[in-house]
C-alpha cells in the first residue's frame, strides 16, 4: 500500500494504574479526538493491563504484543499524571520494555495534574526519557490542570477550549508522524 494512503497508527498510552485516576478522563477524551481523525488508527494502551514482570528490567521483560504495537506505530501519545513533580514509575517500567521499536517515531505528551500547572513538570521530566528512547517529541503539549474540574462525574469535558488545544496537538503530531514515516521508509540511516 502506498505510504500516503496507509493510515497512521498512533496508540495512546495511559501512564498510571492508580485506583480513581482522574487522568483516565483526559486519556479517553484525547483518544476519542484521535479516533475522529481521517487516516489515523488508534488504540488505548493502559499500563494497568500490560503484562509486566516486576523482577526484571528493560527488554528482558518485553511483552511481545506490546512490542508489536510499538513497532507498528507511527507515533505515540502519552497521557500521564504528575506525581511528585515526575511521572509514575509504572509508566517508566512499561516504556523501558522496548527500545528499537521507538526509534525515529513521534511522541506527544499530555500532562495531567490536580493543580493549575497541568502536569508541566511531568512533561519536562519525560523529555529526556523520550530522547533516550529514540522518540522525537513534538513542540505542542496538552496540559490538563485542575483535572478534577475539567470533567463531570461521567467523564464529560466541561471546558470546550480543550477541543481546540487537542486539535492543535494532533495536527502537529500527525504532521511529524508523516514526516518521520517518510524518513524511516525512504532515507537510509547514516
Protein backbone atom coordinates (compact mmCIF):
# COMPACT_ATOMS: atom_id res chain seq x y z
CA UNK A 1 0.00 0.00 0.00
CA UNK A 2 1.42 3.43 -0.91
CA UNK A 3 2.78 5.34 2.09
CA UNK A 4 0.35 8.28 1.79
CA UNK A 5 -2.75 6.06 1.68
CA UNK A 6 -1.80 3.77 4.56
CA UNK A 7 -3.35 5.01 7.82
CA UNK A 8 -1.06 6.21 10.56
CA UNK A 9 -1.16 4.08 13.69
CA UNK A 10 -0.99 6.31 16.77
CA UNK A 11 -1.72 4.48 20.02
CA UNK A 12 -2.27 6.32 23.28
CA UNK A 13 -0.61 5.13 26.48
CA UNK A 14 -2.38 5.91 29.76
CA UNK A 15 0.53 6.11 32.17
CA UNK A 16 -0.89 5.32 35.59
CA UNK A 17 -2.50 2.33 37.25
CA UNK A 18 -3.80 4.09 40.38
CA UNK A 19 -7.35 3.50 41.51
CA UNK A 20 -9.59 6.54 40.99
CA UNK A 21 -7.19 8.05 38.45
CA UNK A 22 -8.62 11.26 37.06
CA UNK A 23 -6.16 11.17 34.16
CA UNK A 24 -8.31 8.40 32.69
CA UNK A 25 -10.90 11.04 31.70
CA UNK A 26 -8.23 13.08 29.92
CA UNK A 27 -6.88 9.97 28.18
CA UNK A 28 -10.32 8.92 26.98
CA UNK A 29 -11.01 12.45 25.71
CA UNK A 30 -7.73 12.60 23.74
CA UNK A 31 -8.35 9.05 22.48
CA UNK A 32 -11.83 9.96 21.20
CA UNK A 33 -10.46 13.07 19.46
CA UNK A 34 -7.73 10.96 17.84
CA UNK A 35 -10.27 8.39 16.61
CA UNK A 36 -12.08 11.19 14.73
CA UNK A 37 -9.03 11.91 12.57
CA UNK A 38 -9.15 10.70 8.99
CA UNK A 39 -6.24 8.49 8.06
CA UNK A 40 -5.43 7.63 11.68
CA UNK A 41 -5.95 4.40 13.58
CA UNK A 42 -5.50 4.40 17.32
CA UNK A 43 -5.71 2.19 20.36
CA UNK A 44 -5.80 2.92 24.08
CA UNK A 45 -3.00 1.11 25.91
CA UNK A 46 -3.47 1.16 29.67
CA UNK A 47 -0.35 0.43 31.74
CA UNK A 48 -2.72 -1.19 34.23
CA UNK A 49 -3.36 -4.03 31.77
CA UNK A 50 0.13 -4.50 30.33
CA UNK A 51 1.72 -7.78 31.40
CA UNK A 52 4.93 -6.63 33.09
CA UNK A 53 7.44 -8.62 35.03
CA UNK A 54 8.47 -6.57 38.01
CA UNK A 55 11.50 -8.71 38.86
CA UNK A 56 13.45 -7.72 35.75
CA UNK A 57 14.16 -4.61 33.73
CA UNK A 58 14.39 -3.35 30.19
CA UNK A 59 13.95 -5.52 27.17
CA UNK A 60 14.34 -8.70 29.26
CA UNK A 61 10.73 -8.15 30.33
CA UNK A 62 9.46 -7.33 26.82
CA UNK A 63 5.83 -8.23 26.17
CA UNK A 64 5.57 -9.46 22.54
CA UNK A 65 2.11 -7.94 21.94
CA UNK A 66 3.08 -4.51 23.32
CA UNK A 67 6.33 -4.61 21.33
CA UNK A 68 4.38 -5.45 18.15
CA UNK A 69 2.10 -2.44 18.67
CA UNK A 70 5.01 -0.09 19.30
CA UNK A 71 6.89 -1.45 16.30
CA UNK A 72 3.81 -0.91 14.11
CA UNK A 73 3.07 2.59 15.38
CA UNK A 74 3.99 5.79 13.58
CA UNK A 75 3.69 7.93 16.69
CA UNK A 76 2.66 7.71 20.33
CA UNK A 77 0.54 9.78 22.63
CA UNK A 78 1.33 9.58 26.32
CA UNK A 79 -1.25 10.83 28.81
CA UNK A 80 0.15 10.78 32.31
CA UNK A 81 -0.43 12.42 35.65
CA UNK A 82 2.24 14.28 37.53
CA UNK A 83 3.16 12.54 40.77
CA UNK A 84 5.63 14.40 43.00
CA UNK A 85 6.94 16.52 40.10
CA UNK A 86 7.58 13.50 37.86
CA UNK A 87 5.94 10.56 36.10
CA UNK A 88 4.65 7.27 37.52
CA UNK A 89 7.25 4.54 37.90
CA UNK A 90 5.00 2.01 36.20
CA UNK A 91 4.95 4.18 33.06
CA UNK A 92 8.76 4.21 33.00
CA UNK A 93 8.81 0.46 33.55
CA UNK A 94 6.40 -0.03 30.63
CA UNK A 95 8.34 2.30 28.32
CA UNK A 96 11.59 0.50 29.12
CA UNK A 97 10.21 -2.77 27.74
CA UNK A 98 11.05 -1.63 24.21
CA UNK A 99 13.87 0.26 22.56
CA UNK A 100 14.47 -0.24 18.85
CA UNK A 101 10.69 -0.11 18.30
CA UNK A 102 10.63 3.61 19.25
CA UNK A 103 13.45 4.94 17.11
CA UNK A 104 12.57 7.86 14.83
CA UNK A 105 8.91 7.96 15.79
CA UNK A 106 6.98 11.00 17.01
CA UNK A 107 5.60 11.35 20.52
CA UNK A 108 3.21 13.86 22.02
CA UNK A 109 2.73 14.19 25.76
CA UNK A 110 -0.35 15.26 27.70
CA UNK A 111 0.26 16.10 31.34
CA UNK A 112 -2.45 15.87 33.99
CA UNK A 113 -2.46 17.39 37.45
CA UNK A 114 -4.80 18.38 40.26
CA UNK A 115 -3.05 21.76 40.41
CA UNK A 116 -3.02 24.63 37.93
CA UNK A 117 0.21 23.66 36.11
CA UNK A 118 -1.43 20.83 34.17
CA UNK A 119 1.43 18.40 34.50
CA UNK A 120 4.07 20.77 33.12
CA UNK A 121 6.71 19.16 35.31
CA UNK A 122 5.81 15.62 34.26
CA UNK A 123 6.19 16.66 30.62
CA UNK A 124 9.54 18.26 31.40
CA UNK A 125 10.64 15.11 33.27
CA UNK A 126 9.69 12.86 30.36
CA UNK A 127 11.56 14.80 27.65
CA UNK A 128 14.97 13.32 28.41
CA UNK A 129 13.45 9.82 28.62
CA UNK A 130 11.79 10.25 25.22
CA UNK A 131 15.06 11.35 23.68
CA UNK A 132 16.96 8.41 25.18
CA UNK A 133 14.35 6.02 23.74
CA UNK A 134 14.84 7.49 20.26
CA UNK A 135 11.43 9.18 20.11
CA UNK A 136 11.02 12.65 18.61
CA UNK A 137 8.95 14.95 20.79
CA UNK A 138 6.65 17.46 19.19
CA UNK A 139 6.56 21.03 20.46
CA UNK A 140 2.85 21.02 21.29
CA UNK A 141 1.71 19.62 24.64
CA UNK A 142 -1.67 19.50 26.33
CA UNK A 143 -1.77 20.43 29.99
CA UNK A 144 -4.86 19.25 31.85
CA UNK A 145 -4.59 21.39 35.00
CA UNK A 146 -7.14 21.22 37.81
CA UNK A 147 -8.33 18.00 36.21
CA UNK A 148 -11.00 17.48 38.87
CA UNK A 149 -12.99 20.37 37.45
CA UNK A 150 -12.37 19.65 33.73
CA UNK A 151 -14.64 16.61 33.59
CA UNK A 152 -18.01 15.92 35.15
CA UNK A 153 -18.87 12.78 37.14
CA UNK A 154 -19.50 10.90 33.87
CA UNK A 155 -16.14 11.89 32.35
CA UNK A 156 -17.60 14.54 30.04
CA UNK A 157 -15.42 17.54 29.26
CA UNK A 158 -16.58 20.77 30.92
CA UNK A 159 -14.11 23.18 29.24
CA UNK A 160 -14.53 23.17 25.46
CA UNK A 161 -11.24 25.05 24.99
CA UNK A 162 -9.58 21.65 25.24
CA UNK A 163 -11.13 20.59 21.93
CA UNK A 164 -9.05 23.28 20.19
CA UNK A 165 -5.94 22.50 22.26
CA UNK A 166 -6.07 18.80 21.45
CA UNK A 167 -6.77 19.61 17.80
CA UNK A 168 -3.59 21.72 17.61
CA UNK A 169 -1.65 18.97 19.40
CA UNK A 170 -2.92 16.28 17.00
CA UNK A 171 -2.20 18.44 13.93
CA UNK A 172 1.45 18.68 14.94
CA UNK A 173 1.73 15.02 15.96
CA UNK A 174 0.19 13.77 12.71
CA UNK A 175 2.43 16.02 10.61
CA UNK A 176 5.54 14.82 12.45
CA UNK A 177 4.40 11.19 12.22
CA UNK A 178 4.07 11.51 8.42
CA UNK A 179 7.47 13.17 8.06
CA UNK A 180 9.22 10.58 10.20
CA UNK A 181 7.45 7.68 8.48
CA UNK A 182 8.65 9.02 5.14
CA UNK A 183 12.18 9.24 6.51
CA UNK A 184 12.14 5.74 8.02
CA UNK A 185 10.85 4.26 4.76
CA UNK A 186 12.84 6.27 2.22
CA UNK A 187 16.08 7.51 3.72
CA UNK A 188 18.76 5.09 4.84
CA UNK A 189 20.34 5.81 8.23
CA UNK A 190 23.86 7.18 8.05
